[in-house]
């Protein structure tokens, strides 16, 4: 009994051999999108490469967050600035650029208990990841 390989199967196999992890599994959807949007060959190649890159970046972020031990759900977006009016949203937004991390600098959050220091620290950690 002979096995029938389609062109799609051959392309999937080649992509897998080249180290692509996600694209071989979603190739039919990408081809359909390329045809539907009448993408040029270069635009279709961009779609394939961007799909793989986005998958790898998402996986890297998920793994980094898991390894970080940061609490789930503590992000800057979930911090209630109306609860703690003494915290400058502009300063937090500046810290959220994570330039301090790129320069390998530390930040220090000071204040009494219950003002959200831990939430802000976790949110900045999530943003840095």
C-alpha atoms as a PDB file:
ATOM      1  CA  UNK A   1       0.000   0.000   0.000  1.00  0.00           C
ATOM      2  CA  UNK A   2       1.549   3.296  -1.035  1.00  0.00           C
ATOM      3  CA  UNK A   3       1.206   6.446   0.985  1.00  0.00           C
ATOM      4  CA  UNK A   4      -0.037   9.490  -0.863  1.00  0.00           C
ATOM      5  CA  UNK A   5       1.763  12.667   0.117  1.00  0.00           C
ATOM      6  CA  UNK A   6       0.248  15.950  -0.838  1.00  0.00           C
ATOM      7  CA  UNK A   7       2.303  19.025  -1.606  1.00  0.00           C
ATOM      8  CA  UNK A   8       1.102  20.371   1.734  1.00  0.00           C
ATOM      9  CA  UNK A   9       2.517  17.320   3.549  1.00  0.00           C
ATOM     10  CA  UNK A  10       5.870  17.748   1.841  1.00  0.00           C
ATOM     11  CA  UNK A  11       5.960  21.437   2.749  1.00  0.00           C
ATOM     12  CA  UNK A  12       4.987  20.672   6.348  1.00  0.00           C
ATOM     13  CA  UNK A  13       7.773  18.107   6.578  1.00  0.00           C
ATOM     14  CA  UNK A  14      10.303  20.546   5.151  1.00  0.00           C
ATOM     15  CA  UNK A  15       9.223  23.271   7.555  1.00  0.00           C
ATOM     16  CA  UNK A  16       9.546  20.855  10.468  1.00  0.00           C
ATOM     17  CA  UNK A  17      13.001  19.788   9.312  1.00  0.00           C
ATOM     18  CA  UNK A  18      14.026  23.444   9.172  1.00  0.00           C
ATOM     19  CA  UNK A  19      13.020  23.881  12.809  1.00  0.00           C
ATOM     20  CA  UNK A  20       9.612  25.496  12.450  1.00  0.00           C
ATOM     21  CA  UNK A  21       7.448  24.424  15.347  1.00  0.00           C
ATOM     22  CA  UNK A  22       4.025  26.032  14.908  1.00  0.00           C
ATOM     23  CA  UNK A  23       3.727  26.818  11.212  1.00  0.00           C
ATOM     24  CA  UNK A  24       3.573  23.158  10.075  1.00  0.00           C
ATOM     25  CA  UNK A  25       0.448  22.676  12.191  1.00  0.00           C
ATOM     26  CA  UNK A  26      -1.315  25.825  10.976  1.00  0.00           C
ATOM     27  CA  UNK A  27      -0.087  25.778   7.383  1.00  0.00           C
ATOM     28  CA  UNK A  28      -3.520  25.066   5.829  1.00  0.00           C
ATOM     29  CA  UNK A  29      -4.989  28.109   7.611  1.00  0.00           C
ATOM     30  CA  UNK A  30      -2.071  30.280   6.486  1.00  0.00           C
ATOM     31  CA  UNK A  31      -2.431  29.126   2.881  1.00  0.00           C
ATOM     32  CA  UNK A  32      -6.170  29.816   3.018  1.00  0.00           C
ATOM     33  CA  UNK A  33      -5.531  33.294   4.411  1.00  0.00           C
ATOM     34  CA  UNK A  34      -2.904  33.966   1.754  1.00  0.00           C
ATOM     35  CA  UNK A  35      -5.308  33.022  -1.022  1.00  0.00           C
ATOM     36  CA  UNK A  36      -8.222  34.913   0.544  1.00  0.00           C
ATOM     37  CA  UNK A  37      -6.175  38.087   0.979  1.00  0.00           C
ATOM     38  CA  UNK A  38      -4.440  37.612  -2.381  1.00  0.00           C
ATOM     39  CA  UNK A  39      -1.029  37.964  -0.763  1.00  0.00           C
ATOM     40  CA  UNK A  40       2.056  38.224  -2.906  1.00  0.00           C
ATOM     41  CA  UNK A  41       4.711  35.559  -2.443  1.00  0.00           C
ATOM     42  CA  UNK A  42       6.766  37.900  -0.261  1.00  0.00           C
ATOM     43  CA  UNK A  43       3.764  38.872   1.869  1.00  0.00           C
ATOM     44  CA  UNK A  44       2.887  35.193   2.283  1.00  0.00           C
ATOM     45  CA  UNK A  45       6.462  34.435   3.330  1.00  0.00           C
ATOM     46  CA  UNK A  46       6.221  37.315   5.829  1.00  0.00           C
ATOM     47  CA  UNK A  47       2.987  35.785   7.160  1.00  0.00           C
ATOM     48  CA  UNK A  48       4.690  32.431   7.670  1.00  0.00           C
ATOM     49  CA  UNK A  49       7.761  33.916   9.341  1.00  0.00           C
ATOM     50  CA  UNK A  50       5.749  36.277  11.571  1.00  0.00           C
ATOM     51  CA  UNK A  51       3.432  33.453  12.643  1.00  0.00           C
ATOM     52  CA  UNK A  52       6.397  31.363  13.765  1.00  0.00           C
ATOM     53  CA  UNK A  53       8.120  34.300  15.458  1.00  0.00           C
ATOM     54  CA  UNK A  54       4.941  35.287  17.314  1.00  0.00           C
ATOM     55  CA  UNK A  55       4.455  31.710  18.508  1.00  0.00           C
ATOM     56  CA  UNK A  56       8.012  31.530  19.809  1.00  0.00           C
ATOM     57  CA  UNK A  57       7.741  34.921  21.517  1.00  0.00           C
ATOM     58  CA  UNK A  58       4.468  33.947  23.211  1.00  0.00           C
ATOM     59  CA  UNK A  59       6.014  30.680  24.374  1.00  0.00           C
ATOM     60  CA  UNK A  60       9.106  32.522  25.667  1.00  0.00           C
ATOM     61  CA  UNK A  61       6.953  34.966  27.629  1.00  0.00           C
ATOM     62  CA  UNK A  62       4.777  32.187  29.096  1.00  0.00           C
ATOM     63  CA  UNK A  63       7.844  30.206  30.159  1.00  0.00           C
ATOM     64  CA  UNK A  64       9.563  33.278  31.592  1.00  0.00           C
ATOM     65  CA  UNK A  65       6.464  34.247  33.566  1.00  0.00           C
ATOM     66  CA  UNK A  66       6.121  30.704  34.890  1.00  0.00           C
ATOM     67  CA  UNK A  67       9.787  30.586  35.946  1.00  0.00           C
ATOM     68  CA  UNK A  68       9.629  34.068  37.472  1.00  0.00           C
ATOM     69  CA  UNK A  69       7.300  33.025  40.257  1.00  0.00           C
ATOM     70  CA  UNK A  70       5.392  36.293  39.881  1.00  0.00           C
ATOM     71  CA  UNK A  71       1.800  36.165  41.129  1.00  0.00           C
ATOM     72  CA  UNK A  72      -0.786  35.584  38.442  1.00  0.00           C
ATOM     73  CA  UNK A  73      -3.093  38.513  37.719  1.00  0.00           C
ATOM     74  CA  UNK A  74      -0.904  41.194  39.288  1.00  0.00           C
ATOM     75  CA  UNK A  75      -0.329  43.455  36.301  1.00  0.00           C
ATOM     76  CA  UNK A  76      -0.104  47.195  35.912  1.00  0.00           C
ATOM     77  CA  UNK A  77      -3.404  47.081  34.044  1.00  0.00           C
ATOM     78  CA  UNK A  78      -5.153  45.562  37.065  1.00  0.00           C
ATOM     79  CA  UNK A  79      -3.714  48.025  39.589  1.00  0.00           C
ATOM     80  CA  UNK A  80      -6.364  50.383  40.975  1.00  0.00           C
ATOM     81  CA  UNK A  81      -4.834  53.853  40.810  1.00  0.00           C
ATOM     82  CA  UNK A  82      -8.058  55.359  42.161  1.00  0.00           C
ATOM     83  CA  UNK A  83      -7.558  53.384  45.386  1.00  0.00           C
ATOM     84  CA  UNK A  84      -4.128  54.892  45.997  1.00  0.00           C
ATOM     85  CA  UNK A  85      -4.159  58.474  44.785  1.00  0.00           C
ATOM     86  CA  UNK A  86      -0.697  59.261  46.163  1.00  0.00           C
ATOM     87  CA  UNK A  87       0.906  57.079  43.488  1.00  0.00           C
ATOM     88  CA  UNK A  88       1.745  58.992  40.336  1.00  0.00           C
ATOM     89  CA  UNK A  89       0.471  57.137  37.303  1.00  0.00           C
ATOM     90  CA  UNK A  90       2.983  59.061  35.173  1.00  0.00           C
ATOM     91  CA  UNK A  91       5.874  57.750  37.286  1.00  0.00           C
ATOM     92  CA  UNK A  92       4.555  54.211  37.067  1.00  0.00           C
ATOM     93  CA  UNK A  93       4.152  54.586  33.290  1.00  0.00           C
ATOM     94  CA  UNK A  94       7.768  55.769  33.114  1.00  0.00           C
ATOM     95  CA  UNK A  95       8.883  52.729  35.108  1.00  0.00           C
ATOM     96  CA  UNK A  96       6.730  50.537  32.856  1.00  0.00           C
ATOM     97  CA  UNK A  97       9.058  51.341  29.963  1.00  0.00           C
ATOM     98  CA  UNK A  98      11.503  49.081  31.853  1.00  0.00           C
ATOM     99  CA  UNK A  99      14.453  51.281  30.966  1.00  0.00           C
ATOM    100  CA  UNK A 100      15.718  50.696  34.505  1.00  0.00           C
ATOM    101  CA  UNK A 101      15.985  46.975  33.734  1.00  0.00           C
ATOM    102  CA  UNK A 102      17.788  47.609  30.455  1.00  0.00           C
ATOM    103  CA  UNK A 103      20.304  49.737  32.385  1.00  0.00           C
ATOM    104  CA  UNK A 104      20.464  47.048  35.099  1.00  0.00           C
ATOM    105  CA  UNK A 105      19.291  49.477  37.744  1.00  0.00           C
ATOM    106  CA  UNK A 106      17.162  48.755  40.788  1.00  0.00           C
ATOM    107  CA  UNK A 107      14.015  50.553  41.859  1.00  0.00           C
ATOM    108  CA  UNK A 108      12.731  50.904  45.372  1.00  0.00           C
ATOM    109  CA  UNK A 109       9.050  51.100  46.266  1.00  0.00           C
ATOM    110  CA  UNK A 110       8.497  52.605  49.705  1.00  0.00           C
ATOM    111  CA  UNK A 111       5.293  53.050  51.648  1.00  0.00           C
ATOM    112  CA  UNK A 112       3.166  51.721  54.475  1.00  0.00           C
ATOM    113  CA  UNK A 113       1.502  48.306  54.305  1.00  0.00           C
ATOM    114  CA  UNK A 114      -1.507  47.914  52.056  1.00  0.00           C
ATOM    115  CA  UNK A 115      -0.789  50.609  49.480  1.00  0.00           C
ATOM    116  CA  UNK A 116      -0.050  48.238  46.586  1.00  0.00           C
ATOM    117  CA  UNK A 117       3.748  48.099  46.518  1.00  0.00           C
ATOM    118  CA  UNK A 118       3.789  44.344  45.905  1.00  0.00           C
ATOM    119  CA  UNK A 119       1.159  44.645  43.175  1.00  0.00           C
ATOM    120  CA  UNK A 120       3.171  47.377  41.439  1.00  0.00           C
ATOM    121  CA  UNK A 121       6.409  45.398  41.784  1.00  0.00           C
ATOM    122  CA  UNK A 122       4.771  42.287  40.321  1.00  0.00           C
ATOM    123  CA  UNK A 123       3.199  44.356  37.522  1.00  0.00           C
ATOM    124  CA  UNK A 124       6.575  45.854  36.652  1.00  0.00           C
ATOM    125  CA  UNK A 125       8.081  42.367  36.690  1.00  0.00           C
ATOM    126  CA  UNK A 126       5.420  41.090  34.315  1.00  0.00           C
ATOM    127  CA  UNK A 127       5.997  44.079  32.043  1.00  0.00           C
ATOM    128  CA  UNK A 128       9.756  43.465  32.057  1.00  0.00           C
ATOM    129  CA  UNK A 129       9.232  39.854  31.005  1.00  0.00           C
END
